[in-house]
């Protein structure tokens, strides 16, 4: 299992609350059966979709085989057309930072 966070943001004008074309993309994505699309891009699961409406930002968490395939899903869904996006690998504090701290400080 590899976890990836997709961080996104958009302008007030591009916000689906204010922009009908983008609203239709979001509704179509959320109301569709995502299983074929997730399978196509070898995404095992969508673990979370968190949004801050007034900040126009979001974080989605994917369990996927390859971050480049997540790009394909985002492009096909139309989210890249109105969002600035970053895809980053995720590790827990215990898995990622603690071993690094111990190594650096010889603990």
C-alpha atoms as a PDB file:
ATOM      1  CA  UNK A   1       0.000   0.000   0.000  1.00  0.00           C
ATOM      2  CA  UNK A   2       1.321   3.433  -0.946  1.00  0.00           C
ATOM      3  CA  UNK A   3      -0.509   6.511   0.215  1.00  0.00           C
ATOM      4  CA  UNK A   4      -0.571   9.761  -1.729  1.00  0.00           C
ATOM      5  CA  UNK A   5      -2.097  13.093  -0.841  1.00  0.00           C
ATOM      6  CA  UNK A   6      -3.537  15.251  -3.577  1.00  0.00           C
ATOM      7  CA  UNK A   7      -3.532  18.873  -2.462  1.00  0.00           C
ATOM      8  CA  UNK A   8      -5.560  21.244  -4.592  1.00  0.00           C
ATOM      9  CA  UNK A   9      -6.715  24.817  -4.699  1.00  0.00           C
ATOM     10  CA  UNK A  10      -8.682  27.020  -7.032  1.00  0.00           C
ATOM     11  CA  UNK A  11      -9.731  30.636  -7.338  1.00  0.00           C
ATOM     12  CA  UNK A  12     -13.017  31.994  -6.050  1.00  0.00           C
ATOM     13  CA  UNK A  13     -14.157  32.382  -9.669  1.00  0.00           C
ATOM     14  CA  UNK A  14     -13.332  28.746 -10.509  1.00  0.00           C
ATOM     15  CA  UNK A  15     -14.994  27.387  -7.378  1.00  0.00           C
ATOM     16  CA  UNK A  16     -17.773  24.918  -8.221  1.00  0.00           C
ATOM     17  CA  UNK A  17     -20.069  26.893  -5.930  1.00  0.00           C
ATOM     18  CA  UNK A  18     -19.589  29.899  -8.230  1.00  0.00           C
ATOM     19  CA  UNK A  19     -18.885  28.241 -11.592  1.00  0.00           C
ATOM     20  CA  UNK A  20     -21.558  26.087 -13.231  1.00  0.00           C
ATOM     21  CA  UNK A  21     -19.210  24.225 -15.615  1.00  0.00           C
ATOM     22  CA  UNK A  22     -16.946  23.189 -12.737  1.00  0.00           C
ATOM     23  CA  UNK A  23     -19.939  22.350 -10.562  1.00  0.00           C
ATOM     24  CA  UNK A  24     -21.126  19.884 -13.206  1.00  0.00           C
ATOM     25  CA  UNK A  25     -17.683  18.208 -13.288  1.00  0.00           C
ATOM     26  CA  UNK A  26     -17.635  17.779  -9.522  1.00  0.00           C
ATOM     27  CA  UNK A  27     -21.201  16.456  -9.353  1.00  0.00           C
ATOM     28  CA  UNK A  28     -20.595  14.018 -12.217  1.00  0.00           C
ATOM     29  CA  UNK A  29     -17.456  12.701 -10.524  1.00  0.00           C
ATOM     30  CA  UNK A  30     -18.993  12.321  -7.069  1.00  0.00           C
ATOM     31  CA  UNK A  31     -22.235  10.749  -8.297  1.00  0.00           C
ATOM     32  CA  UNK A  32     -20.578   8.297 -10.702  1.00  0.00           C
ATOM     33  CA  UNK A  33     -19.536   4.729 -10.020  1.00  0.00           C
ATOM     34  CA  UNK A  34     -15.826   5.293  -9.465  1.00  0.00           C
ATOM     35  CA  UNK A  35     -14.836   1.622  -9.466  1.00  0.00           C
ATOM     36  CA  UNK A  36     -14.054   1.391 -13.222  1.00  0.00           C
ATOM     37  CA  UNK A  37     -12.084   4.640 -13.143  1.00  0.00           C
ATOM     38  CA  UNK A  38     -10.148   3.629 -10.036  1.00  0.00           C
ATOM     39  CA  UNK A  39      -9.397   0.241 -11.557  1.00  0.00           C
ATOM     40  CA  UNK A  40      -8.252   1.841 -14.828  1.00  0.00           C
ATOM     41  CA  UNK A  41      -5.678   3.910 -12.926  1.00  0.00           C
ATOM     42  CA  UNK A  42      -4.725   1.128 -10.465  1.00  0.00           C
ATOM     43  CA  UNK A  43      -6.012   3.073  -7.499  1.00  0.00           C
ATOM     44  CA  UNK A  44      -6.886   0.690  -4.680  1.00  0.00           C
ATOM     45  CA  UNK A  45      -8.956   3.074  -2.616  1.00  0.00           C
ATOM     46  CA  UNK A  46      -9.898   6.675  -1.951  1.00  0.00           C
ATOM     47  CA  UNK A  47      -9.313   6.974   1.790  1.00  0.00           C
ATOM     48  CA  UNK A  48     -10.557  10.500   2.241  1.00  0.00           C
ATOM     49  CA  UNK A  49     -11.709  13.669   0.537  1.00  0.00           C
ATOM     50  CA  UNK A  50     -11.471  16.753   2.730  1.00  0.00           C
ATOM     51  CA  UNK A  51     -12.475  20.227   1.619  1.00  0.00           C
ATOM     52  CA  UNK A  52     -12.322  23.744   2.992  1.00  0.00           C
ATOM     53  CA  UNK A  53     -14.983  25.580   1.028  1.00  0.00           C
ATOM     54  CA  UNK A  54     -14.092  29.123   2.038  1.00  0.00           C
ATOM     55  CA  UNK A  55     -10.365  28.597   1.577  1.00  0.00           C
ATOM     56  CA  UNK A  56     -10.953  26.909  -1.816  1.00  0.00           C
ATOM     57  CA  UNK A  57      -8.585  24.080  -0.939  1.00  0.00           C
ATOM     58  CA  UNK A  58      -8.832  20.318  -0.627  1.00  0.00           C
ATOM     59  CA  UNK A  59      -6.907  17.203   0.309  1.00  0.00           C
ATOM     60  CA  UNK A  60      -7.703  13.787  -1.095  1.00  0.00           C
ATOM     61  CA  UNK A  61      -5.918  10.664   0.100  1.00  0.00           C
ATOM     62  CA  UNK A  62      -5.374   7.752  -2.287  1.00  0.00           C
ATOM     63  CA  UNK A  63      -4.015   4.256  -1.828  1.00  0.00           C
ATOM     64  CA  UNK A  64      -2.461   3.752  -5.252  1.00  0.00           C
ATOM     65  CA  UNK A  65       0.326   1.949  -7.052  1.00  0.00           C
ATOM     66  CA  UNK A  66       1.780   4.977  -8.811  1.00  0.00           C
ATOM     67  CA  UNK A  67       1.340   8.741  -8.348  1.00  0.00           C
ATOM     68  CA  UNK A  68       1.591   9.260 -12.097  1.00  0.00           C
ATOM     69  CA  UNK A  69      -1.543   7.189 -12.545  1.00  0.00           C
ATOM     70  CA  UNK A  70      -3.354   9.451 -10.080  1.00  0.00           C
ATOM     71  CA  UNK A  71      -2.547  12.283 -12.493  1.00  0.00           C
ATOM     72  CA  UNK A  72      -4.438  10.389 -15.190  1.00  0.00           C
ATOM     73  CA  UNK A  73      -7.510  10.037 -13.025  1.00  0.00           C
ATOM     74  CA  UNK A  74      -7.458  13.728 -12.137  1.00  0.00           C
ATOM     75  CA  UNK A  75      -7.096  14.714 -15.779  1.00  0.00           C
ATOM     76  CA  UNK A  76      -9.890  12.412 -16.917  1.00  0.00           C
ATOM     77  CA  UNK A  77     -12.205  13.658 -14.167  1.00  0.00           C
ATOM     78  CA  UNK A  78     -11.595  17.258 -15.257  1.00  0.00           C
ATOM     79  CA  UNK A  79     -10.235  18.531 -11.935  1.00  0.00           C
ATOM     80  CA  UNK A  80      -6.929  19.660 -13.421  1.00  0.00           C
ATOM     81  CA  UNK A  81      -8.787  22.168 -15.592  1.00  0.00           C
ATOM     82  CA  UNK A  82      -9.672  24.418 -12.650  1.00  0.00           C
ATOM     83  CA  UNK A  83      -7.343  23.442  -9.797  1.00  0.00           C
ATOM     84  CA  UNK A  84      -3.691  23.856  -8.985  1.00  0.00           C
ATOM     85  CA  UNK A  85      -2.594  20.422  -7.736  1.00  0.00           C
ATOM     86  CA  UNK A  86       0.262  18.673  -5.922  1.00  0.00           C
ATOM     87  CA  UNK A  87       0.590  14.920  -5.440  1.00  0.00           C
ATOM     88  CA  UNK A  88       2.836  13.904  -2.554  1.00  0.00           C
ATOM     89  CA  UNK A  89       3.687  10.568  -0.911  1.00  0.00           C
ATOM     90  CA  UNK A  90       2.340  10.219   2.620  1.00  0.00           C
ATOM     91  CA  UNK A  91       3.833   8.413   5.595  1.00  0.00           C
ATOM     92  CA  UNK A  92       2.815   8.457   9.204  1.00  0.00           C
ATOM     93  CA  UNK A  93       4.956  10.279  11.735  1.00  0.00           C
ATOM     94  CA  UNK A  94       5.964   6.918  13.208  1.00  0.00           C
ATOM     95  CA  UNK A  95       6.966   5.493   9.803  1.00  0.00           C
ATOM     96  CA  UNK A  96       8.687   8.526   8.366  1.00  0.00           C
ATOM     97  CA  UNK A  97       9.971  11.140  10.764  1.00  0.00           C
ATOM     98  CA  UNK A  98      10.742   9.091  13.876  1.00  0.00           C
ATOM     99  CA  UNK A  99      13.283   6.799  12.125  1.00  0.00           C
ATOM    100  CA  UNK A 100      14.903   9.882  10.604  1.00  0.00           C
ATOM    101  CA  UNK A 101      15.125  11.648  13.976  1.00  0.00           C
ATOM    102  CA  UNK A 102      16.638   8.530  15.577  1.00  0.00           C
ATOM    103  CA  UNK A 103      19.187   8.171  12.797  1.00  0.00           C
ATOM    104  CA  UNK A 104      20.231  11.843  12.840  1.00  0.00           C
ATOM    105  CA  UNK A 105      20.564  11.957  16.631  1.00  0.00           C
ATOM    106  CA  UNK A 106      21.841   8.420  17.154  1.00  0.00           C
ATOM    107  CA  UNK A 107      18.877   7.516  19.347  1.00  0.00           C
END
